[in-house]
Structures are given as structure tokens and as C-alpha cells.
Amino acid sequence: MAMSFEWPWQYRFPPFFTLQPNVDTRQKQLAAWCSLVLSFCRLHKQSSMTVMEAQESPLFNNVKLQRKLPVESIQIVLEELRKKGFQERPEQLCVHPI
């Protein structure tokens, strides 16, 4: 029986795919992205992916909204995960604690 992934409300909100300039808003947005990445990867049993793979993944590419998080923003999300201890190389997402 396949498990379905329930996307958070932010994933259906177009501005979620543009990092916000306001510091407080951006911190909340990055926290939401980190939570989404970890949940998505755990459900799909995916422990790593490159930035290029991430860009094409439904995780960062909402086809229905025709919105995609830019590579530069994906790298910022990955850096946030690194700060939290979930990756060691900036070019690769690793969702298991290091």
C-alpha cells in the first residue's frame, strides 16, 4: 500500500516559491521549507539528492502552480539544513543527521 504525501498549505501558495525579503518572514519560510524537505524525503526514503535533482523534483517544483524554487533558493534551503546538522556538502541534500 503506497503512502501518499500531504503537501502543507504553503506548497499551494505561490509566494512560497520566492524567498521573502523580510527577515522574520524568511526565517519562517525557511523553517517551513526545511520541514517539508525532511518530511518528503523520509516518506520517499530518499536520503540524498543533488541540487539539480532537487530542482526537478516535485519537492521544489509545483507543476500545478507552475512555480519552481530557483537553484539559488534551493541552495539557501540546503544551507539552512546544514546549519541544523542535516547535510555536510552544499551541493547535495542529505536528510539524515550528520
PDB file of N, CA and C in Angstrom:
ATOM      1  N   MET A   1       0.845  -1.181   0.000  1.00  0.00           N
ATOM      2  CA  MET A   1       0.000   0.000   0.000  1.00  0.00           C
ATOM      3  C   MET A   1       0.893   1.248   0.000  1.00  0.00           C
ATOM      4  N   ALA A   2       0.766   2.062  -1.030  1.00  0.00           N
ATOM      5  CA  ALA A   2       1.593   3.258  -1.146  1.00  0.00           C
ATOM      6  C   ALA A   2       1.074   4.357  -0.224  1.00  0.00           C
ATOM      7  N   MET A   3       2.013   5.017   0.404  1.00  0.00           N
ATOM      8  CA  MET A   3       1.645   6.128   1.272  1.00  0.00           C
ATOM      9  C   MET A   3       1.605   7.395   0.434  1.00  0.00           C
ATOM     10  N   SER A   4       0.599   8.221   0.673  1.00  0.00           N
ATOM     11  CA  SER A   4       0.532   9.473  -0.070  1.00  0.00           C
ATOM     12  C   SER A   4       1.107  10.595   0.793  1.00  0.00           C
ATOM     13  N   PHE A   5       1.647  11.556   0.106  1.00  0.00           N
ATOM     14  CA  PHE A   5       2.255  12.686   0.804  1.00  0.00           C
ATOM     15  C   PHE A   5       1.257  13.822   0.834  1.00  0.00           C
ATOM     16  N   GLU A   6       1.044  14.394   2.000  1.00  0.00           N
ATOM     17  CA  GLU A   6       0.155  15.542   2.120  1.00  0.00           C
ATOM     18  C   GLU A   6       0.997  16.817   2.140  1.00  0.00           C
ATOM     19  N   TRP A   7       0.863  17.589   1.078  1.00  0.00           N
ATOM     20  CA  TRP A   7       1.613  18.827   0.962  1.00  0.00           C
ATOM     21  C   TRP A   7       1.070  19.846   1.962  1.00  0.00           C
ATOM     22  N   PRO A   8       1.939  20.624   2.592  1.00  0.00           N
ATOM     23  CA  PRO A   8       1.465  21.665   3.516  1.00  0.00           C
ATOM     24  C   PRO A   8       0.782  22.787   2.726  1.00  0.00           C
ATOM     25  N   TRP A   9       0.012  23.597   3.422  1.00  0.00           N
ATOM     26  CA  TRP A   9      -0.715  24.676   2.746  1.00  0.00           C
ATOM     27  C   TRP A   9       0.226  25.611   1.995  1.00  0.00           C
ATOM     28  N   GLN A  10       1.429  25.810   2.512  1.00  0.00           N
ATOM     29  CA  GLN A  10       2.365  26.735   1.870  1.00  0.00           C
ATOM     30  C   GLN A  10       2.706  26.303   0.445  1.00  0.00           C
ATOM     31  N   TYR A  11       2.718  24.988   0.212  1.00  0.00           N
ATOM     32  CA  TYR A  11       3.088  24.459  -1.103  1.00  0.00           C
ATOM     33  C   TYR A  11       2.090  24.905  -2.182  1.00  0.00           C
ATOM     34  N   ARG A  12       0.881  25.230  -1.773  1.00  0.00           N
ATOM     35  CA  ARG A  12      -0.154  25.692  -2.704  1.00  0.00           C
ATOM     36  C   ARG A  12      -0.231  27.225  -2.751  1.00  0.00           C
ATOM     37  N   PHE A  13       0.721  27.887  -2.129  1.00  0.00           N
ATOM     38  CA  PHE A  13       0.749  29.351  -2.028  1.00  0.00           C
ATOM     39  C   PHE A  13       1.923  29.861  -2.868  1.00  0.00           C
ATOM     40  N   PRO A  14       1.647  30.463  -4.037  1.00  0.00           N
ATOM     41  CA  PRO A  14       2.733  30.841  -4.956  1.00  0.00           C
ATOM     42  C   PRO A  14       3.909  31.594  -4.333  1.00  0.00           C
ATOM     43  N   PRO A  15       3.705  32.555  -3.405  1.00  0.00           N
ATOM     44  CA  PRO A  15       4.866  33.258  -2.847  1.00  0.00           C
ATOM     45  C   PRO A  15       5.832  32.360  -2.072  1.00  0.00           C
ATOM     46  N   PHE A  16       5.400  31.150  -1.709  1.00  0.00           N
ATOM     47  CA  PHE A  16       6.285  30.212  -1.022  1.00  0.00           C
ATOM     48  C   PHE A  16       7.500  29.885  -1.879  1.00  0.00           C
ATOM     49  N   PHE A  17       7.353  29.975  -3.188  1.00  0.00           N
ATOM     50  CA  PHE A  17       8.428  29.626  -4.121  1.00  0.00           C
ATOM     51  C   PHE A  17       9.344  30.801  -4.455  1.00  0.00           C
ATOM     52  N   THR A  18       9.194  31.893  -3.718  1.00  0.00           N
ATOM     53  CA  THR A  18      10.080  33.056  -3.825  1.00  0.00           C
ATOM     54  C   THR A  18      10.514  33.400  -2.414  1.00  0.00           C
ATOM     55  N   LEU A  19      11.811  33.329  -2.135  1.00  0.00           N
ATOM     56  CA  LEU A  19      12.258  33.664  -0.784  1.00  0.00           C
ATOM     57  C   LEU A  19      11.934  35.126  -0.496  1.00  0.00           C
ATOM     58  N   GLN A  20      11.341  35.333   0.647  1.00  0.00           N
ATOM     59  CA  GLN A  20      10.844  36.654   1.018  1.00  0.00           C
ATOM     60  C   GLN A  20      11.960  37.532   1.590  1.00  0.00           C
ATOM     61  N   PRO A  21      11.913  38.829   1.303  1.00  0.00           N
ATOM     62  CA  PRO A  21      12.977  39.728   1.768  1.00  0.00           C
ATOM     63  C   PRO A  21      12.909  40.062   3.258  1.00  0.00           C
ATOM     64  N   ASN A  22      11.713  40.057   3.844  1.00  0.00           N
ATOM     65  CA  ASN A  22      11.574  40.370   5.259  1.00  0.00           C
ATOM     66  C   ASN A  22      12.222  39.267   6.092  1.00  0.00           C
ATOM     67  N   VAL A  23      13.106  39.638   7.001  1.00  0.00           N
ATOM     68  CA  VAL A  23      13.902  38.661   7.766  1.00  0.00           C
ATOM     69  C   VAL A  23      13.021  37.695   8.543  1.00  0.00           C
ATOM     70  N   ASP A  24      12.024  38.200   9.265  1.00  0.00           N
ATOM     71  CA  ASP A  24      11.158  37.320  10.048  1.00  0.00           C
ATOM     72  C   ASP A  24      10.367  36.364   9.160  1.00  0.00           C
ATOM     73  N   THR A  25       9.827  36.897   8.084  1.00  0.00           N
ATOM     74  CA  THR A  25       9.060  36.074   7.142  1.00  0.00           C
ATOM     75  C   THR A  25       9.958  35.021   6.509  1.00  0.00           C
ATOM     76  N   ARG A  26      11.167  35.412   6.134  1.00  0.00           N
ATOM     77  CA  ARG A  26      12.100  34.474   5.509  1.00  0.00           C
ATOM     78  C   ARG A  26      12.473  33.345   6.474  1.00  0.00           C
ATOM     79  N   GLN A  27      12.694  33.670   7.742  1.00  0.00           N
ATOM     80  CA  GLN A  27      13.041  32.625   8.716  1.00  0.00           C
ATOM     81  C   GLN A  27      11.910  31.602   8.841  1.00  0.00           C
ATOM     82  N   LYS A  28      10.671  32.092   8.882  1.00  0.00           N
ATOM     83  CA  LYS A  28       9.513  31.180   8.943  1.00  0.00           C
ATOM     84  C   LYS A  28       9.407  30.360   7.660  1.00  0.00           C
ATOM     85  N   GLN A  29       9.673  31.005   6.552  1.00  0.00           N
ATOM     86  CA  GLN A  29       9.620  30.333   5.256  1.00  0.00           C
ATOM     87  C   GLN A  29      10.692  29.246   5.177  1.00  0.00           C
ATOM     88  N   LEU A  30      11.904  29.561   5.598  1.00  0.00           N
ATOM     89  CA  LEU A  30      12.985  28.568   5.576  1.00  0.00           C
ATOM     90  C   LEU A  30      12.681  27.407   6.518  1.00  0.00           C
ATOM     91  N   ALA A  31      12.101  27.697   7.672  1.00  0.00           N
ATOM     92  CA  ALA A  31      11.715  26.624   8.593  1.00  0.00           C
ATOM     93  C   ALA A  31      10.671  25.719   7.939  1.00  0.00           C
ATOM     94  N   ALA A  32       9.726  26.318   7.218  1.00  0.00           N
ATOM     95  CA  ALA A  32       8.703  25.530   6.522  1.00  0.00           C
ATOM     96  C   ALA A  32       9.326  24.685   5.414  1.00  0.00           C
ATOM     97  N   TRP A  33      10.275  25.264   4.666  1.00  0.00           N
ATOM     98  CA  TRP A  33      10.960  24.503   3.613  1.00  0.00           C
ATOM     99  C   TRP A  33      11.735  23.329   4.220  1.00  0.00           C
ATOM    100  N   CYS A  34      12.448  23.576   5.313  1.00  0.00           N
ATOM    101  CA  CYS A  34      13.226  22.508   5.952  1.00  0.00           C
ATOM    102  C   CYS A  34      12.308  21.380   6.409  1.00  0.00           C
ATOM    103  N   SER A  35      11.213  21.726   7.020  1.00  0.00           N
ATOM    104  CA  SER A  35      10.251  20.724   7.474  1.00  0.00           C
ATOM    105  C   SER A  35       9.692  19.937   6.294  1.00  0.00           C
ATOM    106  N   LEU A  36       9.358  20.631   5.225  1.00  0.00           N
ATOM    107  CA  LEU A  36       8.832  19.981   4.031  1.00  0.00           C
ATOM    108  C   LEU A  36       9.858  19.024   3.430  1.00  0.00           C
ATOM    109  N   VAL A  37      11.090  19.481   3.291  1.00  0.00           N
ATOM    110  CA  VAL A  37      12.153  18.637   2.717  1.00  0.00           C
ATOM    111  C   VAL A  37      12.330  17.369   3.548  1.00  0.00           C
ATOM    112  N   LEU A  38      12.424  17.511   4.852  1.00  0.00           N
ATOM    113  CA  LEU A  38      12.640  16.348   5.715  1.00  0.00           C
ATOM    114  C   LEU A  38      11.465  15.384   5.658  1.00  0.00           C
ATOM    115  N   SER A  39      10.247  15.898   5.704  1.00  0.00           N
ATOM    116  CA  SER A  39       9.058  15.036   5.643  1.00  0.00           C
ATOM    117  C   SER A  39       8.966  14.304   4.312  1.00  0.00           C
ATOM    118  N   PHE A  40       9.175  15.044   3.218  1.00  0.00           N
ATOM    119  CA  PHE A  40       9.091  14.470   1.881  1.00  0.00           C
ATOM    120  C   PHE A  40      10.130  13.362   1.699  1.00  0.00           C
ATOM    121  N   CYS A  41      11.359  13.656   2.078  1.00  0.00           N
ATOM    122  CA  CYS A  41      12.437  12.689   1.875  1.00  0.00           C
ATOM    123  C   CYS A  41      12.285  11.459   2.778  1.00  0.00           C
ATOM    124  N   ARG A  42      11.804  11.649   3.984  1.00  0.00           N
ATOM    125  CA  ARG A  42      11.580  10.497   4.861  1.00  0.00           C
ATOM    126  C   ARG A  42      10.503   9.589   4.297  1.00  0.00           C
ATOM    127  N   LEU A  43       9.388  10.176   3.831  1.00  0.00           N
ATOM    128  CA  LEU A  43       8.300   9.375   3.282  1.00  0.00           C
ATOM    129  C   LEU A  43       8.769   8.585   2.067  1.00  0.00           C
ATOM    130  N   HIS A  44       9.562   9.228   1.227  1.00  0.00           N
ATOM    131  CA  HIS A  44      10.037   8.591  -0.003  1.00  0.00           C
ATOM    132  C   HIS A  44      11.344   7.820   0.185  1.00  0.00           C
ATOM    133  N   LYS A  45      11.782   7.736   1.443  1.00  0.00           N
ATOM    134  CA  LYS A  45      13.012   7.007   1.782  1.00  0.00           C
ATOM    135  C   LYS A  45      14.185   7.466   0.910  1.00  0.00           C
ATOM    136  N   GLN A  46      14.268   8.753   0.736  1.00  0.00           N
ATOM    137  CA  GLN A  46      15.328   9.364  -0.059  1.00  0.00           C
ATOM    138  C   GLN A  46      16.246  10.109   0.891  1.00  0.00           C
ATOM    139  N   SER A  47      17.497   9.673   0.952  1.00  0.00           N
ATOM    140  CA  SER A  47      18.407  10.291   1.912  1.00  0.00           C
ATOM    141  C   SER A  47      19.294  11.359   1.292  1.00  0.00           C
ATOM    142  N   SER A  48      19.371  11.401  -0.020  1.00  0.00           N
ATOM    143  CA  SER A  48      20.200  12.435  -0.634  1.00  0.00           C
ATOM    144  C   SER A  48      19.768  12.697  -2.068  1.00  0.00           C
ATOM    145  N   MET A  49      20.080  13.892  -2.551  1.00  0.00           N
ATOM    146  CA  MET A  49      19.864  14.267  -3.944  1.00  0.00           C
ATOM    147  C   MET A  49      20.733  15.481  -4.235  1.00  0.00           C
ATOM    148  N   THR A  50      21.087  15.631  -5.488  1.00  0.00           N
ATOM    149  CA  THR A  50      21.874  16.805  -5.871  1.00  0.00           C
ATOM    150  C   THR A  50      20.944  18.012  -6.016  1.00  0.00           C
ATOM    151  N   VAL A  51      21.520  19.184  -6.094  1.00  0.00           N
ATOM    152  CA  VAL A  51      20.728  20.393  -6.287  1.00  0.00           C
ATOM    153  C   VAL A  51      19.969  20.308  -7.606  1.00  0.00           C
ATOM    154  N   MET A  52      20.612  19.780  -8.648  1.00  0.00           N
ATOM    155  CA  MET A  52      19.946  19.674  -9.947  1.00  0.00           C
ATOM    156  C   MET A  52      18.774  18.689  -9.879  1.00  0.00           C
ATOM    157  N   GLU A  53      18.952  17.576  -9.183  1.00  0.00           N
ATOM    158  CA  GLU A  53      17.845  16.640  -8.987  1.00  0.00           C
ATOM    159  C   GLU A  53      16.729  17.293  -8.179  1.00  0.00           C
ATOM    160  N   ALA A  54      17.113  18.054  -7.174  1.00  0.00           N
ATOM    161  CA  ALA A  54      16.131  18.726  -6.323  1.00  0.00           C
ATOM    162  C   ALA A  54      15.291  19.703  -7.137  1.00  0.00           C
ATOM    163  N   GLN A  55      15.923  20.418  -8.040  1.00  0.00           N
ATOM    164  CA  GLN A  55      15.210  21.414  -8.826  1.00  0.00           C
ATOM    165  C   GLN A  55      14.107  20.786  -9.675  1.00  0.00           C
ATOM    166  N   GLU A  56      14.308  19.575 -10.140  1.00  0.00           N
ATOM    167  CA  GLU A  56      13.307  18.899 -10.974  1.00  0.00           C
ATOM    168  C   GLU A  56      12.331  18.062 -10.162  1.00  0.00           C
ATOM    169  N   SER A  57      12.628  17.857  -8.903  1.00  0.00           N
ATOM    170  CA  SER A  57      11.762  17.068  -8.021  1.00  0.00           C
ATOM    171  C   SER A  57      10.467  17.825  -7.743  1.00  0.00           C
ATOM    172  N   PRO A  58       9.353  17.098  -7.549  1.00  0.00           N
ATOM    173  CA  PRO A  58       8.115  17.790  -7.167  1.00  0.00           C
ATOM    174  C   PRO A  58       8.262  18.543  -5.845  1.00  0.00           C
ATOM    175  N   LEU A  59       9.262  18.193  -5.086  1.00  0.00           N
ATOM    176  CA  LEU A  59       9.520  18.872  -3.822  1.00  0.00           C
ATOM    177  C   LEU A  59       9.718  20.377  -4.014  1.00  0.00           C
ATOM    178  N   PHE A  60      10.480  20.762  -5.019  1.00  0.00           N
ATOM    179  CA  PHE A  60      10.778  22.170  -5.271  1.00  0.00           C
ATOM    180  C   PHE A  60      10.125  22.698  -6.547  1.00  0.00           C
ATOM    181  N   ASN A  61       9.312  21.873  -7.175  1.00  0.00           N
ATOM    182  CA  ASN A  61       8.718  22.226  -8.463  1.00  0.00           C
ATOM    183  C   ASN A  61       7.231  21.886  -8.437  1.00  0.00           C
ATOM    184  N   ASN A  62       6.387  22.878  -8.193  1.00  0.00           N
ATOM    185  CA  ASN A  62       4.943  22.665  -8.154  1.00  0.00           C
ATOM    186  C   ASN A  62       4.403  22.895  -9.568  1.00  0.00           C
ATOM    187  N   VAL A  63       4.194  21.806 -10.278  1.00  0.00           N
ATOM    188  CA  VAL A  63       3.758  21.877 -11.669  1.00  0.00           C
ATOM    189  C   VAL A  63       2.371  22.504 -11.770  1.00  0.00           C
ATOM    190  N   LYS A  64       1.507  22.167 -10.840  1.00  0.00           N
ATOM    191  CA  LYS A  64       0.136  22.698 -10.871  1.00  0.00           C
ATOM    192  C   LYS A  64       0.128  24.229 -10.786  1.00  0.00           C
ATOM    193  N   LEU A  65       0.986  24.787  -9.948  1.00  0.00           N
ATOM    194  CA  LEU A  65       1.088  26.251  -9.821  1.00  0.00           C
ATOM    195  C   LEU A  65       2.002  26.863 -10.872  1.00  0.00           C
ATOM    196  N   GLN A  66       2.750  26.011 -11.554  1.00  0.00           N
ATOM    197  CA  GLN A  66       3.792  26.451 -12.482  1.00  0.00           C
ATOM    198  C   GLN A  66       4.800  27.340 -11.758  1.00  0.00           C
ATOM    199  N   ARG A  67       5.191  26.875 -10.568  1.00  0.00           N
ATOM    200  CA  ARG A  67       6.181  27.587  -9.753  1.00  0.00           C
ATOM    201  C   ARG A  67       7.283  26.621  -9.370  1.00  0.00           C
ATOM    202  N   LYS A  68       8.507  27.121  -9.422  1.00  0.00           N
ATOM    203  CA  LYS A  68       9.686  26.325  -9.090  1.00  0.00           C
ATOM    204  C   LYS A  68      10.600  27.185  -8.233  1.00  0.00           C
ATOM    205  N   LEU A  69      11.107  26.603  -7.134  1.00  0.00           N
ATOM    206  CA  LEU A  69      12.070  27.342  -6.331  1.00  0.00           C
ATOM    207  C   LEU A  69      13.372  27.437  -7.120  1.00  0.00           C
ATOM    208  N   PRO A  70      13.917  28.637  -7.308  1.00  0.00           N
ATOM    209  CA  PRO A  70      15.163  28.783  -8.075  1.00  0.00           C
ATOM    210  C   PRO A  70      16.337  28.056  -7.402  1.00  0.00           C
ATOM    211  N   VAL A  71      17.320  27.701  -8.217  1.00  0.00           N
ATOM    212  CA  VAL A  71      18.504  26.991  -7.720  1.00  0.00           C
ATOM    213  C   VAL A  71      19.152  27.736  -6.559  1.00  0.00           C
ATOM    214  N   GLU A  72      19.270  29.046  -6.672  1.00  0.00           N
ATOM    215  CA  GLU A  72      19.898  29.831  -5.607  1.00  0.00           C
ATOM    216  C   GLU A  72      19.127  29.687  -4.294  1.00  0.00           C
ATOM    217  N   SER A  73      17.809  29.648  -4.387  1.00  0.00           N
ATOM    218  CA  SER A  73      16.977  29.498  -3.190  1.00  0.00           C
ATOM    219  C   SER A  73      17.061  28.083  -2.631  1.00  0.00           C
ATOM    220  N   ILE A  74      17.142  27.088  -3.515  1.00  0.00           N
ATOM    221  CA  ILE A  74      17.329  25.704  -3.051  1.00  0.00           C
ATOM    222  C   ILE A  74      18.625  25.619  -2.262  1.00  0.00           C
ATOM    223  N   GLN A  75      19.662  26.273  -2.764  1.00  0.00           N
ATOM    224  CA  GLN A  75      20.948  26.260  -2.056  1.00  0.00           C
ATOM    225  C   GLN A  75      20.827  26.918  -0.680  1.00  0.00           C
ATOM    226  N   ILE A  76      20.014  27.947  -0.557  1.00  0.00           N
ATOM    227  CA  ILE A  76      19.798  28.593   0.742  1.00  0.00           C
ATOM    228  C   ILE A  76      19.069  27.637   1.687  1.00  0.00           C
ATOM    229  N   VAL A  77      18.079  26.916   1.178  1.00  0.00           N
ATOM    230  CA  VAL A  77      17.370  25.917   1.991  1.00  0.00           C
ATOM    231  C   VAL A  77      18.350  24.831   2.441  1.00  0.00           C
ATOM    232  N   LEU A  78      19.193  24.377   1.529  1.00  0.00           N
ATOM    233  CA  LEU A  78      20.179  23.347   1.883  1.00  0.00           C
ATOM    234  C   LEU A  78      21.167  23.853   2.923  1.00  0.00           C
ATOM    235  N   GLU A  79      21.551  25.116   2.813  1.00  0.00           N
ATOM    236  CA  GLU A  79      22.453  25.703   3.805  1.00  0.00           C
ATOM    237  C   GLU A  79      21.767  25.745   5.174  1.00  0.00           C
ATOM    238  N   GLU A  80      20.492  26.049   5.186  1.00  0.00           N
ATOM    239  CA  GLU A  80      19.723  26.060   6.441  1.00  0.00           C
ATOM    240  C   GLU A  80      19.686  24.658   7.046  1.00  0.00           C
ATOM    241  N   LEU A  81      19.500  23.651   6.200  1.00  0.00           N
ATOM    242  CA  LEU A  81      19.530  22.259   6.684  1.00  0.00           C
ATOM    243  C   LEU A  81      20.923  21.906   7.214  1.00  0.00           C
ATOM    244  N   ARG A  82      21.966  22.403   6.541  1.00  0.00           N
ATOM    245  CA  ARG A  82      23.329  22.147   7.002  1.00  0.00           C
ATOM    246  C   ARG A  82      23.541  22.741   8.392  1.00  0.00           C
ATOM    247  N   LYS A  83      23.062  23.967   8.591  1.00  0.00           N
ATOM    248  CA  LYS A  83      23.184  24.617   9.900  1.00  0.00           C
ATOM    249  C   LYS A  83      22.493  23.808  10.996  1.00  0.00           C
ATOM    250  N   LYS A  84      21.434  23.103  10.604  1.00  0.00           N
ATOM    251  CA  LYS A  84      20.673  22.298  11.569  1.00  0.00           C
ATOM    252  C   LYS A  84      21.264  20.892  11.718  1.00  0.00           C
ATOM    253  N   GLY A  85      22.351  20.615  10.983  1.00  0.00           N
ATOM    254  CA  GLY A  85      23.026  19.328  11.112  1.00  0.00           C
ATOM    255  C   GLY A  85      22.499  18.232  10.210  1.00  0.00           C
ATOM    256  N   PHE A  86      21.842  18.593   9.092  1.00  0.00           N
ATOM    257  CA  PHE A  86      21.283  17.579   8.215  1.00  0.00           C
ATOM    258  C   PHE A  86      22.016  17.394   6.898  1.00  0.00           C
ATOM    259  N   GLN A  87      23.117  18.063   6.703  1.00  0.00           N
ATOM    260  CA  GLN A  87      23.897  17.822   5.487  1.00  0.00           C
ATOM    261  C   GLN A  87      25.305  18.333   5.699  1.00  0.00           C
ATOM    262  N   GLU A  88      26.196  17.780   4.916  1.00  0.00           N
ATOM    263  CA  GLU A  88      27.585  18.201   5.068  1.00  0.00           C
ATOM    264  C   GLU A  88      28.161  18.833   3.811  1.00  0.00           C
ATOM    265  N   ARG A  89      27.584  18.556   2.650  1.00  0.00           N
ATOM    266  CA  ARG A  89      28.102  19.134   1.411  1.00  0.00           C
ATOM    267  C   ARG A  89      27.063  20.070   0.810  1.00  0.00           C
ATOM    268  N   PRO A  90      27.433  21.295   0.450  1.00  0.00           N
ATOM    269  CA  PRO A  90      26.454  22.265  -0.047  1.00  0.00           C
ATOM    270  C   PRO A  90      25.780  21.858  -1.351  1.00  0.00           C
ATOM    271  N   GLU A  91      26.428  21.011  -2.154  1.00  0.00           N
ATOM    272  CA  GLU A  91      25.846  20.653  -3.444  1.00  0.00           C
ATOM    273  C   GLU A  91      24.926  19.444  -3.357  1.00  0.00           C
ATOM    274  N   GLN A  92      24.788  18.848  -2.182  1.00  0.00           N
ATOM    275  CA  GLN A  92      23.971  17.641  -2.056  1.00  0.00           C
ATOM    276  C   GLN A  92      23.120  17.693  -0.800  1.00  0.00           C
ATOM    277  N   LEU A  93      21.854  17.426  -0.986  1.00  0.00           N
ATOM    278  CA  LEU A  93      20.925  17.362   0.134  1.00  0.00           C
ATOM    279  C   LEU A  93      21.093  16.018   0.823  1.00  0.00           C
ATOM    280  N   CYS A  94      21.304  16.036   2.107  1.00  0.00           N
ATOM    281  CA  CYS A  94      21.394  14.817   2.909  1.00  0.00           C
ATOM    282  C   CYS A  94      20.446  15.003   4.076  1.00  0.00           C
ATOM    283  N   VAL A  95      19.391  14.227   4.134  1.00  0.00           N
ATOM    284  CA  VAL A  95      18.371  14.475   5.137  1.00  0.00           C
ATOM    285  C   VAL A  95      18.535  13.635   6.400  1.00  0.00           C
ATOM    286  N   HIS A  96      19.622  12.928   6.507  1.00  0.00           N
ATOM    287  CA  HIS A  96      19.897  12.220   7.750  1.00  0.00           C
ATOM    288  C   HIS A  96      20.873  13.071   8.556  1.00  0.00           C
ATOM    289  N   PRO A  97      20.705  13.119   9.886  1.00  0.00           N
ATOM    290  CA  PRO A  97      21.637  13.923  10.686  1.00  0.00           C
ATOM    291  C   PRO A  97      23.069  13.446  10.492  1.00  0.00           C
ATOM    292  N   ILE A  98      24.001  14.403  10.428  1.00  0.00           N
ATOM    293  CA  ILE A  98      25.410  14.036  10.266  1.00  0.00           C
ATOM    294  C   ILE A  98      26.082  13.924  11.607  1.00  0.00           C
TER     295      ILE A  98
END
